[in-house]
């Protein structure tokens, strides 16, 4: 095994371990965000995405996501999205169902249907040995004033390790 691959796997395990330690429940990780305003706006809600899991292709993977936007203070999600996440990099193993959560940041609390649609790109890493976690550092979004908090936490089951470049696309339902 090359030193570069070992370093990548070690980095993925370190990020996943830190993310897993942050999540109280690996099956349903939570996002903790301070209530102070961010530079580009304030948190107006959360986006939760669920994946049925899958098998890594060694050099990447693809997964379909079902996502819901929930405003702060709301009891139920108010906006649904279909998502697709692709990973290019080391992706070895198989995972069961997983959950990813992001804070939604905006300049306005008036988020309309479909406002989170768009493309997000960045780094991803996860490690799973029966239970595990990961992190996705993604930026992007639509041309509106809405963006996802760059860091998501992920909880999943299976046996896998993944690290690389990720692209997430959200389309309104």
C-alpha atoms as a PDB file:
ATOM      1  CA  UNK A   1       0.000   0.000   0.000  1.00  0.00           C
ATOM      2  CA  UNK A   2       1.484   3.364  -1.003  1.00  0.00           C
ATOM      3  CA  UNK A   3       2.217   6.077   1.546  1.00  0.00           C
ATOM      4  CA  UNK A   4      -0.225   8.399  -0.246  1.00  0.00           C
ATOM      5  CA  UNK A   5      -3.055   5.853   0.057  1.00  0.00           C
ATOM      6  CA  UNK A   6      -2.206   5.194   3.717  1.00  0.00           C
ATOM      7  CA  UNK A   7      -2.235   8.938   4.402  1.00  0.00           C
ATOM      8  CA  UNK A   8      -5.597   9.354   2.651  1.00  0.00           C
ATOM      9  CA  UNK A   9      -7.121   6.451   4.582  1.00  0.00           C
ATOM     10  CA  UNK A  10      -5.728   7.761   7.873  1.00  0.00           C
ATOM     11  CA  UNK A  11      -7.135  11.242   7.161  1.00  0.00           C
ATOM     12  CA  UNK A  12     -10.536   9.751   6.302  1.00  0.00           C
ATOM     13  CA  UNK A  13     -10.555   7.738   9.515  1.00  0.00           C
ATOM     14  CA  UNK A  14      -9.536  10.791  11.571  1.00  0.00           C
ATOM     15  CA  UNK A  15     -12.262  13.011  10.090  1.00  0.00           C
ATOM     16  CA  UNK A  16     -14.859  10.267  10.439  1.00  0.00           C
ATOM     17  CA  UNK A  17     -13.874   9.565  14.031  1.00  0.00           C
ATOM     18  CA  UNK A  18     -14.166  13.252  14.910  1.00  0.00           C
ATOM     19  CA  UNK A  19     -17.552  13.471  13.203  1.00  0.00           C
ATOM     20  CA  UNK A  20     -18.755  10.294  14.868  1.00  0.00           C
ATOM     21  CA  UNK A  21     -17.661  11.548  18.277  1.00  0.00           C
ATOM     22  CA  UNK A  22     -19.723  14.688  17.682  1.00  0.00           C
ATOM     23  CA  UNK A  23     -22.899  12.798  16.855  1.00  0.00           C
ATOM     24  CA  UNK A  24     -24.911  11.606  19.823  1.00  0.00           C
ATOM     25  CA  UNK A  25     -26.696   8.952  17.772  1.00  0.00           C
ATOM     26  CA  UNK A  26     -24.850   7.484  14.798  1.00  0.00           C
ATOM     27  CA  UNK A  27     -28.113   6.614  13.039  1.00  0.00           C
ATOM     28  CA  UNK A  28     -29.437  10.149  13.488  1.00  0.00           C
ATOM     29  CA  UNK A  29     -26.534  12.602  13.795  1.00  0.00           C
ATOM     30  CA  UNK A  30     -27.281  16.129  14.863  1.00  0.00           C
ATOM     31  CA  UNK A  31     -25.861  19.407  13.669  1.00  0.00           C
ATOM     32  CA  UNK A  32     -24.884  21.859  16.374  1.00  0.00           C
ATOM     33  CA  UNK A  33     -24.689  25.434  15.130  1.00  0.00           C
ATOM     34  CA  UNK A  34     -24.179  28.557  17.220  1.00  0.00           C
ATOM     35  CA  UNK A  35     -27.030  31.062  17.255  1.00  0.00           C
ATOM     36  CA  UNK A  36     -24.773  34.006  16.412  1.00  0.00           C
ATOM     37  CA  UNK A  37     -25.030  35.362  12.841  1.00  0.00           C
ATOM     38  CA  UNK A  38     -22.669  33.917  10.272  1.00  0.00           C
ATOM     39  CA  UNK A  39     -20.695  36.204   7.956  1.00  0.00           C
ATOM     40  CA  UNK A  40     -23.037  35.465   5.054  1.00  0.00           C
ATOM     41  CA  UNK A  41     -26.314  35.287   6.987  1.00  0.00           C
ATOM     42  CA  UNK A  42     -28.068  33.422   9.768  1.00  0.00           C
ATOM     43  CA  UNK A  43     -29.222  29.858  10.191  1.00  0.00           C
ATOM     44  CA  UNK A  44     -32.850  29.591   9.087  1.00  0.00           C
ATOM     45  CA  UNK A  45     -33.266  25.812   9.220  1.00  0.00           C
ATOM     46  CA  UNK A  46     -31.726  22.412   8.520  1.00  0.00           C
ATOM     47  CA  UNK A  47     -31.527  20.156   5.485  1.00  0.00           C
ATOM     48  CA  UNK A  48     -31.632  16.411   6.222  1.00  0.00           C
ATOM     49  CA  UNK A  49     -30.753  13.899   3.508  1.00  0.00           C
ATOM     50  CA  UNK A  50     -31.158  10.132   3.656  1.00  0.00           C
ATOM     51  CA  UNK A  51     -29.423   7.553   1.476  1.00  0.00           C
ATOM     52  CA  UNK A  52     -30.262   3.846   1.258  1.00  0.00           C
ATOM     53  CA  UNK A  53     -26.528   3.030   1.202  1.00  0.00           C
ATOM     54  CA  UNK A  54     -24.538   1.238  -1.436  1.00  0.00           C
ATOM     55  CA  UNK A  55     -21.233  -0.202  -2.535  1.00  0.00           C
ATOM     56  CA  UNK A  56     -18.104   1.857  -3.221  1.00  0.00           C
ATOM     57  CA  UNK A  57     -16.493   1.424  -6.639  1.00  0.00           C
ATOM     58  CA  UNK A  58     -12.956   1.693  -5.190  1.00  0.00           C
ATOM     59  CA  UNK A  59     -12.431   4.955  -7.104  1.00  0.00           C
ATOM     60  CA  UNK A  60     -15.801   6.539  -6.378  1.00  0.00           C
ATOM     61  CA  UNK A  61     -19.514   6.101  -5.746  1.00  0.00           C
ATOM     62  CA  UNK A  62     -22.951   7.521  -6.554  1.00  0.00           C
ATOM     63  CA  UNK A  63     -25.999   7.721  -4.315  1.00  0.00           C
ATOM     64  CA  UNK A  64     -29.525   9.038  -4.616  1.00  0.00           C
ATOM     65  CA  UNK A  65     -30.798  11.101  -1.674  1.00  0.00           C
ATOM     66  CA  UNK A  66     -34.203  12.045  -0.286  1.00  0.00           C
ATOM     67  CA  UNK A  67     -33.914  15.430   1.440  1.00  0.00           C
ATOM     68  CA  UNK A  68     -36.188  17.633   3.561  1.00  0.00           C
ATOM     69  CA  UNK A  69     -35.792  21.284   4.557  1.00  0.00           C
ATOM     70  CA  UNK A  70     -37.083  22.185   8.023  1.00  0.00           C
ATOM     71  CA  UNK A  71     -37.155  25.842   9.186  1.00  0.00           C
ATOM     72  CA  UNK A  72     -36.016  26.628  12.726  1.00  0.00           C
ATOM     73  CA  UNK A  73     -38.941  26.257  15.107  1.00  0.00           C
ATOM     74  CA  UNK A  74     -41.027  24.159  12.699  1.00  0.00           C
ATOM     75  CA  UNK A  75     -42.304  20.778  13.819  1.00  0.00           C
ATOM     76  CA  UNK A  76     -42.252  19.221  10.348  1.00  0.00           C
ATOM     77  CA  UNK A  77     -40.232  19.599   7.124  1.00  0.00           C
ATOM     78  CA  UNK A  78     -41.784  22.015   4.649  1.00  0.00           C
ATOM     79  CA  UNK A  79     -39.836  21.467   1.421  1.00  0.00           C
ATOM     80  CA  UNK A  80     -38.650  18.231  -0.203  1.00  0.00           C
ATOM     81  CA  UNK A  81     -35.715  17.675  -2.579  1.00  0.00           C
ATOM     82  CA  UNK A  82     -34.278  14.810  -4.566  1.00  0.00           C
ATOM     83  CA  UNK A  83     -30.522  14.747  -4.373  1.00  0.00           C
ATOM     84  CA  UNK A  84     -27.638  12.981  -6.039  1.00  0.00           C
ATOM     85  CA  UNK A  85     -24.173  12.788  -4.499  1.00  0.00           C
ATOM     86  CA  UNK A  86     -21.116  11.540  -6.404  1.00  0.00           C
ATOM     87  CA  UNK A  87     -17.724  10.850  -4.874  1.00  0.00           C
ATOM     88  CA  UNK A  88     -14.425  10.574  -6.730  1.00  0.00           C
ATOM     89  CA  UNK A  89     -11.525   9.221  -4.687  1.00  0.00           C
ATOM     90  CA  UNK A  90     -10.968   6.259  -2.392  1.00  0.00           C
ATOM     91  CA  UNK A  91     -14.287   4.529  -1.707  1.00  0.00           C
ATOM     92  CA  UNK A  92     -14.000   0.911  -0.566  1.00  0.00           C
ATOM     93  CA  UNK A  93     -16.714  -1.172   1.111  1.00  0.00           C
ATOM     94  CA  UNK A  94     -20.467  -1.220   1.534  1.00  0.00           C
ATOM     95  CA  UNK A  95     -22.736   0.935   3.664  1.00  0.00           C
ATOM     96  CA  UNK A  96     -26.290   0.651   4.849  1.00  0.00           C
ATOM     97  CA  UNK A  97     -28.681   3.562   5.246  1.00  0.00           C
ATOM     98  CA  UNK A  98     -27.061   6.886   6.108  1.00  0.00           C
ATOM     99  CA  UNK A  99     -28.203  10.337   7.197  1.00  0.00           C
ATOM    100  CA  UNK A 100     -26.528  13.698   6.418  1.00  0.00           C
ATOM    101  CA  UNK A 101     -27.523  17.035   7.957  1.00  0.00           C
ATOM    102  CA  UNK A 102     -26.599  20.616   7.074  1.00  0.00           C
ATOM    103  CA  UNK A 103     -27.513  23.974   8.587  1.00  0.00           C
ATOM    104  CA  UNK A 104     -29.215  26.252   6.022  1.00  0.00           C
ATOM    105  CA  UNK A 105     -27.792  29.784   6.000  1.00  0.00           C
ATOM    106  CA  UNK A 106     -29.610  32.772   4.456  1.00  0.00           C
ATOM    107  CA  UNK A 107     -29.762  36.569   4.508  1.00  0.00           C
ATOM    108  CA  UNK A 108     -33.550  36.299   4.807  1.00  0.00           C
ATOM    109  CA  UNK A 109     -35.856  34.034   6.783  1.00  0.00           C
ATOM    110  CA  UNK A 110     -38.200  33.964   3.767  1.00  0.00           C
ATOM    111  CA  UNK A 111     -37.112  30.682   2.141  1.00  0.00           C
ATOM    112  CA  UNK A 112     -39.456  29.645  -0.638  1.00  0.00           C
ATOM    113  CA  UNK A 113     -40.051  26.285  -2.290  1.00  0.00           C
ATOM    114  CA  UNK A 114     -37.039  25.179  -4.304  1.00  0.00           C
ATOM    115  CA  UNK A 115     -34.662  27.851  -2.963  1.00  0.00           C
ATOM    116  CA  UNK A 116     -32.092  25.227  -1.893  1.00  0.00           C
ATOM    117  CA  UNK A 117     -31.863  23.718  -5.389  1.00  0.00           C
ATOM    118  CA  UNK A 118     -28.412  23.810  -6.940  1.00  0.00           C
ATOM    119  CA  UNK A 119     -24.983  22.222  -7.071  1.00  0.00           C
ATOM    120  CA  UNK A 120     -22.587  21.917  -4.140  1.00  0.00           C
ATOM    121  CA  UNK A 121     -18.960  20.667  -4.334  1.00  0.00           C
ATOM    122  CA  UNK A 122     -16.097  19.924  -1.975  1.00  0.00           C
ATOM    123  CA  UNK A 123     -14.346  17.299   0.144  1.00  0.00           C
ATOM    124  CA  UNK A 124     -15.820  14.226   1.806  1.00  0.00           C
ATOM    125  CA  UNK A 125     -14.483  11.594   4.208  1.00  0.00           C
ATOM    126  CA  UNK A 126     -16.050   8.755   6.183  1.00  0.00           C
ATOM    127  CA  UNK A 127     -15.156   5.517   7.933  1.00  0.00           C
ATOM    128  CA  UNK A 128     -17.522   2.774   9.026  1.00  0.00           C
ATOM    129  CA  UNK A 129     -16.941  -0.446  10.964  1.00  0.00           C
ATOM    130  CA  UNK A 130     -20.510  -1.614  11.707  1.00  0.00           C
ATOM    131  CA  UNK A 131     -21.361   1.965  12.759  1.00  0.00           C
ATOM    132  CA  UNK A 132     -19.492   5.052  11.681  1.00  0.00           C
ATOM    133  CA  UNK A 133     -19.678   8.595  10.509  1.00  0.00           C
ATOM    134  CA  UNK A 134     -18.317  11.108   8.111  1.00  0.00           C
ATOM    135  CA  UNK A 135     -18.148  14.726   7.144  1.00  0.00           C
ATOM    136  CA  UNK A 136     -18.884  16.590   3.931  1.00  0.00           C
ATOM    137  CA  UNK A 137     -17.301  19.998   3.371  1.00  0.00           C
ATOM    138  CA  UNK A 138     -19.431  21.281   0.481  1.00  0.00           C
ATOM    139  CA  UNK A 139     -19.990  24.795  -0.847  1.00  0.00           C
ATOM    140  CA  UNK A 140     -22.167  26.137  -3.643  1.00  0.00           C
ATOM    141  CA  UNK A 141     -25.897  26.341  -4.156  1.00  0.00           C
ATOM    142  CA  UNK A 142     -28.337  28.319  -6.201  1.00  0.00           C
ATOM    143  CA  UNK A 143     -27.990  31.878  -7.409  1.00  0.00           C
ATOM    144  CA  UNK A 144     -30.163  33.076  -4.508  1.00  0.00           C
ATOM    145  CA  UNK A 145     -28.967  34.193  -1.096  1.00  0.00           C
ATOM    146  CA  UNK A 146     -29.317  30.682   0.330  1.00  0.00           C
ATOM    147  CA  UNK A 147     -26.417  28.331   1.049  1.00  0.00           C
ATOM    148  CA  UNK A 148     -25.763  25.191   3.049  1.00  0.00           C
ATOM    149  CA  UNK A 149     -23.434  25.376   6.007  1.00  0.00           C
ATOM    150  CA  UNK A 150     -20.251  23.974   4.515  1.00  0.00           C
ATOM    151  CA  UNK A 151     -19.887  21.094   6.986  1.00  0.00           C
ATOM    152  CA  UNK A 152     -22.369  18.251   7.353  1.00  0.00           C
ATOM    153  CA  UNK A 153     -22.242  15.342   9.744  1.00  0.00           C
ATOM    154  CA  UNK A 154     -23.129  11.865   8.577  1.00  0.00           C
ATOM    155  CA  UNK A 155     -24.093   8.666  10.375  1.00  0.00           C
ATOM    156  CA  UNK A 156     -24.126   5.275   8.669  1.00  0.00           C
ATOM    157  CA  UNK A 157     -23.801   1.516   9.071  1.00  0.00           C
ATOM    158  CA  UNK A 158     -21.627  -0.984   7.170  1.00  0.00           C
ATOM    159  CA  UNK A 159     -17.934  -1.611   6.537  1.00  0.00           C
ATOM    160  CA  UNK A 160     -16.311   1.092   4.413  1.00  0.00           C
ATOM    161  CA  UNK A 161     -13.789   3.893   4.119  1.00  0.00           C
ATOM    162  CA  UNK A 162     -14.139   6.853   1.781  1.00  0.00           C
ATOM    163  CA  UNK A 163     -12.231  10.069   1.087  1.00  0.00           C
ATOM    164  CA  UNK A 164     -12.197  12.369  -1.900  1.00  0.00           C
ATOM    165  CA  UNK A 165     -14.084  14.974  -3.915  1.00  0.00           C
ATOM    166  CA  UNK A 166     -17.890  15.098  -3.674  1.00  0.00           C
ATOM    167  CA  UNK A 167     -20.574  16.780  -5.803  1.00  0.00           C
ATOM    168  CA  UNK A 168     -24.137  17.158  -4.498  1.00  0.00           C
ATOM    169  CA  UNK A 169     -27.072  18.246  -6.688  1.00  0.00           C
ATOM    170  CA  UNK A 170     -30.447  19.162  -5.160  1.00  0.00           C
ATOM    171  CA  UNK A 171     -33.635  19.340  -7.233  1.00  0.00           C
ATOM    172  CA  UNK A 172     -37.031  20.353  -5.807  1.00  0.00           C
ATOM    173  CA  UNK A 173     -39.772  17.720  -5.699  1.00  0.00           C
END
